[in-house]
């Protein structure tokens, strides 16, 4: 399932999906303690270990494989070492083509 459901607003309506930057931003925030996203998301132990998070949107989800590391600085902070995304496309067409035997011989 999805760890968090999102909505992206573009002028005058809610977008049907989520963009790459938005999904990486949300996934990053989900892995950083004390953020609102971290408090709201439902990360199971397998997702926490693998850092592969499904970010929900109105038409499905976007899988984000992300590596966030806590760094020791005077201000405290985190570094995103890597972000990989899996995007799928919907089926656009399905059909059959019938080729006459005479034409097959010419190929």
C-alpha atoms as a PDB file:
ATOM      1  CA  UNK A   1       0.000   0.000   0.000  1.00  0.00           C
ATOM      2  CA  UNK A   2       0.852   3.653   0.036  1.00  0.00           C
ATOM      3  CA  UNK A   3       2.572   5.255   2.997  1.00  0.00           C
ATOM      4  CA  UNK A   4       0.909   8.613   2.364  1.00  0.00           C
ATOM      5  CA  UNK A   5      -1.691   9.951  -0.057  1.00  0.00           C
ATOM      6  CA  UNK A   6      -0.973  13.273  -1.731  1.00  0.00           C
ATOM      7  CA  UNK A   7      -2.775  15.869  -3.808  1.00  0.00           C
ATOM      8  CA  UNK A   8      -0.997  18.257  -6.158  1.00  0.00           C
ATOM      9  CA  UNK A   9      -2.839  21.480  -6.896  1.00  0.00           C
ATOM     10  CA  UNK A  10      -2.395  23.241 -10.205  1.00  0.00           C
ATOM     11  CA  UNK A  11      -4.390  26.344 -11.066  1.00  0.00           C
ATOM     12  CA  UNK A  12      -8.106  25.709 -10.595  1.00  0.00           C
ATOM     13  CA  UNK A  13      -7.986  21.919 -10.040  1.00  0.00           C
ATOM     14  CA  UNK A  14      -6.276  18.930  -8.431  1.00  0.00           C
ATOM     15  CA  UNK A  15      -3.748  17.231 -10.732  1.00  0.00           C
ATOM     16  CA  UNK A  16      -4.463  13.576 -11.508  1.00  0.00           C
ATOM     17  CA  UNK A  17      -0.978  12.400 -10.434  1.00  0.00           C
ATOM     18  CA  UNK A  18       2.213  13.607  -8.745  1.00  0.00           C
ATOM     19  CA  UNK A  19       5.452  14.780 -10.349  1.00  0.00           C
ATOM     20  CA  UNK A  20       8.969  13.468  -9.839  1.00  0.00           C
ATOM     21  CA  UNK A  21      10.112  16.378  -7.653  1.00  0.00           C
ATOM     22  CA  UNK A  22       6.964  16.199  -5.549  1.00  0.00           C
ATOM     23  CA  UNK A  23       7.267  12.461  -4.985  1.00  0.00           C
ATOM     24  CA  UNK A  24      10.960  12.681  -4.016  1.00  0.00           C
ATOM     25  CA  UNK A  25      10.180  15.581  -1.660  1.00  0.00           C
ATOM     26  CA  UNK A  26       7.368  13.672   0.055  1.00  0.00           C
ATOM     27  CA  UNK A  27       9.402  10.446   0.307  1.00  0.00           C
ATOM     28  CA  UNK A  28      12.341  12.372   1.800  1.00  0.00           C
ATOM     29  CA  UNK A  29      10.136  14.039   4.376  1.00  0.00           C
ATOM     30  CA  UNK A  30       8.625  10.678   5.334  1.00  0.00           C
ATOM     31  CA  UNK A  31      12.079   9.370   6.279  1.00  0.00           C
ATOM     32  CA  UNK A  32      13.155  12.423   8.291  1.00  0.00           C
ATOM     33  CA  UNK A  33      12.053  12.262  11.937  1.00  0.00           C
ATOM     34  CA  UNK A  34      10.122  15.197  13.391  1.00  0.00           C
ATOM     35  CA  UNK A  35       8.611  16.224  10.041  1.00  0.00           C
ATOM     36  CA  UNK A  36       4.849  16.312   9.667  1.00  0.00           C
ATOM     37  CA  UNK A  37       5.091  13.769   6.835  1.00  0.00           C
ATOM     38  CA  UNK A  38       7.069  11.371   9.058  1.00  0.00           C
ATOM     39  CA  UNK A  39       4.399  11.641  11.743  1.00  0.00           C
ATOM     40  CA  UNK A  40       1.586  11.005   9.242  1.00  0.00           C
ATOM     41  CA  UNK A  41       3.067   8.254   7.068  1.00  0.00           C
ATOM     42  CA  UNK A  42       2.596   4.572   7.668  1.00  0.00           C
ATOM     43  CA  UNK A  43       6.013   2.995   7.006  1.00  0.00           C
ATOM     44  CA  UNK A  44       6.279  -0.702   7.787  1.00  0.00           C
ATOM     45  CA  UNK A  45       9.633  -2.249   8.842  1.00  0.00           C
ATOM     46  CA  UNK A  46      10.327  -3.696   5.363  1.00  0.00           C
ATOM     47  CA  UNK A  47       9.781  -0.309   3.707  1.00  0.00           C
ATOM     48  CA  UNK A  48      11.937   1.384   6.353  1.00  0.00           C
ATOM     49  CA  UNK A  49      14.784  -1.079   5.731  1.00  0.00           C
ATOM     50  CA  UNK A  50      14.540  -0.979   1.918  1.00  0.00           C
ATOM     51  CA  UNK A  51      13.568   2.709   1.663  1.00  0.00           C
ATOM     52  CA  UNK A  52      11.207   1.907  -1.215  1.00  0.00           C
ATOM     53  CA  UNK A  53       8.133   4.001  -0.566  1.00  0.00           C
ATOM     54  CA  UNK A  54       4.861   4.187  -2.482  1.00  0.00           C
ATOM     55  CA  UNK A  55       3.537   7.745  -2.577  1.00  0.00           C
ATOM     56  CA  UNK A  56      -0.176   7.758  -3.338  1.00  0.00           C
ATOM     57  CA  UNK A  57      -1.947  10.149  -5.703  1.00  0.00           C
ATOM     58  CA  UNK A  58      -5.504  10.291  -7.137  1.00  0.00           C
ATOM     59  CA  UNK A  59      -4.864   7.785  -9.954  1.00  0.00           C
ATOM     60  CA  UNK A  60      -2.456   5.381  -8.234  1.00  0.00           C
ATOM     61  CA  UNK A  61       0.981   5.625  -6.686  1.00  0.00           C
ATOM     62  CA  UNK A  62       4.572   6.504  -7.501  1.00  0.00           C
ATOM     63  CA  UNK A  63       7.310   4.175  -6.153  1.00  0.00           C
ATOM     64  CA  UNK A  64      10.332   6.051  -4.818  1.00  0.00           C
ATOM     65  CA  UNK A  65      13.488   4.170  -3.833  1.00  0.00           C
ATOM     66  CA  UNK A  66      15.370   6.673  -1.706  1.00  0.00           C
ATOM     67  CA  UNK A  67      18.406   6.826   0.569  1.00  0.00           C
ATOM     68  CA  UNK A  68      18.311   9.581   3.192  1.00  0.00           C
ATOM     69  CA  UNK A  69      21.220   9.871   5.621  1.00  0.00           C
ATOM     70  CA  UNK A  70      21.489  11.879   8.825  1.00  0.00           C
ATOM     71  CA  UNK A  71      24.622  14.014   8.768  1.00  0.00           C
ATOM     72  CA  UNK A  72      26.323  15.466  11.817  1.00  0.00           C
ATOM     73  CA  UNK A  73      26.540  19.202  11.373  1.00  0.00           C
ATOM     74  CA  UNK A  74      26.221  22.109  13.756  1.00  0.00           C
ATOM     75  CA  UNK A  75      22.688  22.670  12.472  1.00  0.00           C
ATOM     76  CA  UNK A  76      21.854  18.988  12.151  1.00  0.00           C
ATOM     77  CA  UNK A  77      20.618  17.804   8.833  1.00  0.00           C
ATOM     78  CA  UNK A  78      20.025  15.120   6.295  1.00  0.00           C
ATOM     79  CA  UNK A  79      21.474  14.275   2.903  1.00  0.00           C
ATOM     80  CA  UNK A  80      19.615  12.570   0.088  1.00  0.00           C
ATOM     81  CA  UNK A  81      22.258  10.235  -1.321  1.00  0.00           C
ATOM     82  CA  UNK A  82      20.105   8.663  -3.994  1.00  0.00           C
ATOM     83  CA  UNK A  83      16.575   8.709  -5.371  1.00  0.00           C
ATOM     84  CA  UNK A  84      15.293   6.280  -7.997  1.00  0.00           C
ATOM     85  CA  UNK A  85      11.776   6.223  -9.348  1.00  0.00           C
ATOM     86  CA  UNK A  86       9.645   3.596 -10.992  1.00  0.00           C
ATOM     87  CA  UNK A  87       7.120   4.994 -13.390  1.00  0.00           C
ATOM     88  CA  UNK A  88       4.665   2.851 -15.276  1.00  0.00           C
ATOM     89  CA  UNK A  89       2.613   3.817 -18.281  1.00  0.00           C
ATOM     90  CA  UNK A  90      -0.922   2.813 -19.019  1.00  0.00           C
ATOM     91  CA  UNK A  91      -1.713   0.577 -21.960  1.00  0.00           C
ATOM     92  CA  UNK A  92      -2.381   2.750 -25.003  1.00  0.00           C
ATOM     93  CA  UNK A  93      -3.431   0.164 -27.556  1.00  0.00           C
ATOM     94  CA  UNK A  94      -4.059  -3.546 -27.991  1.00  0.00           C
ATOM     95  CA  UNK A  95      -4.930  -5.237 -31.227  1.00  0.00           C
ATOM     96  CA  UNK A  96      -4.248  -7.827 -33.843  1.00  0.00           C
ATOM     97  CA  UNK A  97      -2.840  -7.518 -37.339  1.00  0.00           C
ATOM     98  CA  UNK A  98      -3.747  -9.987 -40.079  1.00  0.00           C
ATOM     99  CA  UNK A  99      -1.191 -10.338 -42.871  1.00  0.00           C
ATOM    100  CA  UNK A 100      -2.065 -12.236 -46.036  1.00  0.00           C
ATOM    101  CA  UNK A 101       0.179 -15.218 -46.769  1.00  0.00           C
ATOM    102  CA  UNK A 102       1.334 -13.731 -50.078  1.00  0.00           C
ATOM    103  CA  UNK A 103       2.639 -10.662 -48.211  1.00  0.00           C
ATOM    104  CA  UNK A 104       4.407 -12.797 -45.595  1.00  0.00           C
ATOM    105  CA  UNK A 105       6.426 -14.525 -48.319  1.00  0.00           C
ATOM    106  CA  UNK A 106       7.678 -11.156 -49.534  1.00  0.00           C
ATOM    107  CA  UNK A 107       9.040 -10.190 -46.114  1.00  0.00           C
END
